[in-house]
C-alpha atoms as a PDB file:
ATOM      1  CA  MET A   1      85.808  86.655 164.020  1.00  0.00           C
ATOM      2  CA  MET A   2      87.963  84.156 162.176  1.00  0.00           C
ATOM      3  CA  THR A   3      90.246  84.730 159.226  1.00  0.00           C
ATOM      4  CA  VAL A   4      90.600  82.486 156.186  1.00  0.00           C
ATOM      5  CA  ILE A   5      93.019  82.626 153.278  1.00  0.00           C
ATOM      6  CA  VAL A   6      91.823  82.329 149.693  1.00  0.00           C
ATOM      7  CA  SER A   7      94.082  80.035 147.657  1.00  0.00           C
ATOM      8  CA  PRO A   8      95.330  80.816 144.138  1.00  0.00           C
ATOM      9  CA  LYS A   9      92.466  78.604 142.904  1.00  0.00           C
ATOM     10  CA  PHE A  10      89.990  80.808 144.845  1.00  0.00           C
ATOM     11  CA  ARG A  11      89.302  78.176 147.484  1.00  0.00           C
ATOM     12  CA  ALA A  12      88.883  78.905 151.186  1.00  0.00           C
ATOM     13  CA  VAL A  13      88.703  76.435 154.060  1.00  0.00           C
ATOM     14  CA  ILE A  14      85.785  77.069 156.411  1.00  0.00           C
ATOM     15  CA  PRO A  15      87.083  76.816 159.984  1.00  0.00           C
ATOM     16  CA  LYS A  16      86.047  73.727 161.963  1.00  0.00           C
ATOM     17  CA  LYS A  17      84.164  75.760 164.590  1.00  0.00           C
ATOM     18  CA  ILE A  18      82.030  77.431 161.891  1.00  0.00           C
ATOM     19  CA  ARG A  19      81.360  74.080 160.195  1.00  0.00           C
ATOM     20  CA  LYS A  20      80.256  72.650 163.528  1.00  0.00           C
ATOM     21  CA  ASP A  21      78.167  75.674 164.605  1.00  0.00           C
ATOM     22  CA  PHE A  22      76.274  75.723 161.301  1.00  0.00           C
ATOM     23  CA  SER A  23      76.118  71.942 160.788  1.00  0.00           C
ATOM     24  CA  LEU A  24      77.943  72.128 157.462  1.00  0.00           C
ATOM     25  CA  VAL A  25      78.631  68.811 155.801  1.00  0.00           C
ATOM     26  CA  SER A  26      80.386  67.836 152.617  1.00  0.00           C
ATOM     27  CA  ALA A  27      78.389  68.066 149.358  1.00  0.00           C
ATOM     28  CA  GLN A  28      75.666  70.372 150.761  1.00  0.00           C
ATOM     29  CA  LYS A  29      74.395  72.803 148.155  1.00  0.00           C
ATOM     30  CA  ARG A  30      74.410  76.470 149.128  1.00  0.00           C
ATOM     31  CA  GLN A  31      73.655  79.727 147.387  1.00  0.00           C
ATOM     32  CA  VAL A  32      76.443  82.270 147.679  1.00  0.00           C
ATOM     33  CA  PRO A  33      75.193  85.834 147.229  1.00  0.00           C
ATOM     34  CA  GLY A  34      77.633  88.670 147.673  1.00  0.00           C
ATOM     35  CA  ASP A  35      76.771  92.266 148.537  1.00  0.00           C
ATOM     36  CA  LYS A  36      78.671  95.257 149.930  1.00  0.00           C
ATOM     37  CA  GLY A  37      81.884  93.347 150.583  1.00  0.00           C
ATOM     38  CA  ARG A  38      80.186  90.335 152.230  1.00  0.00           C
ATOM     39  CA  ILE A  39      79.620  86.773 151.123  1.00  0.00           C
ATOM     40  CA  ALA A  40      76.837  84.645 152.577  1.00  0.00           C
ATOM     41  CA  PHE A  41      76.223  80.897 152.374  1.00  0.00           C
ATOM     42  CA  ILE A  42      72.507  80.116 152.208  1.00  0.00           C
ATOM     43  CA  LEU A  43      71.381  76.509 152.476  1.00  0.00           C
ATOM     44  CA  LEU A  44      69.315  75.274 149.540  1.00  0.00           C
ATOM     45  CA  ARG A  45      66.443  73.215 150.875  1.00  0.00           C
ATOM     46  CA  ASN A  46      64.172  70.813 149.105  1.00  0.00           C
ATOM     47  CA  PRO A  47      60.652  72.349 149.260  1.00  0.00           C
ATOM     48  CA  ARG A  48      59.185  68.915 150.024  1.00  0.00           C
ATOM     49  CA  LYS A  49      61.319  68.673 153.172  1.00  0.00           C
ATOM     50  CA  MET A  50      59.982  72.024 154.406  1.00  0.00           C
ATOM     51  CA  CYS A  51      56.415  70.707 154.612  1.00  0.00           C
ATOM     52  CA  GLY A  52      55.052  71.424 158.099  1.00  0.00           C
ATOM     53  CA  MET A  53      57.856  73.856 158.915  1.00  0.00           C
ATOM     54  CA  LEU A  54      55.412  76.625 159.875  1.00  0.00           C
ATOM     55  CA  LYS A  55      52.986  74.423 161.761  1.00  0.00           C
ATOM     56  CA  GLY A  56      51.152  76.400 164.435  1.00  0.00           C
ATOM     57  CA  ILE A  57      51.951  79.845 163.017  1.00  0.00           C
ATOM     58  CA  GLU A  58      49.201  82.477 163.286  1.00  0.00           C
ATOM     59  CA  THR A  59      47.874  83.088 159.767  1.00  0.00           C
ATOM     60  CA  SER A  60      45.063  85.556 160.415  1.00  0.00           C
ATOM     61  CA  VAL A  61      45.999  89.034 159.270  1.00  0.00           C
ATOM     62  CA  PRO A  62      43.886  92.145 159.909  1.00  0.00           C
ATOM     63  CA  ARG A  63      42.813  93.588 156.555  1.00  0.00           C
ATOM     64  CA  ASP A  64      41.099  96.734 155.426  1.00  0.00           C
ATOM     65  CA  ASN A  65      37.420  96.350 154.458  1.00  0.00           C
ATOM     66  CA  ASP A  66      38.178  97.011 150.769  1.00  0.00           C
ATOM     67  CA  ARG A  67      40.676  94.098 150.589  1.00  0.00           C
ATOM     68  CA  LEU A  68      39.984  90.390 150.191  1.00  0.00           C
END
């Protein structure tokens, strides 16, 4: 686990190893939810770029007879 320091302007530098491991680049947009003392960085993706992302996934789901 790495430690970062938050500046007086509430900025923190993400360590180089983390940037490399998660392919972070400048100007990427991320959501930053916080919960129970944790902060997460979630990549915002363009829905058009996700086309075909689930190609080959099994979509048949067993259903009860009274369901569509």
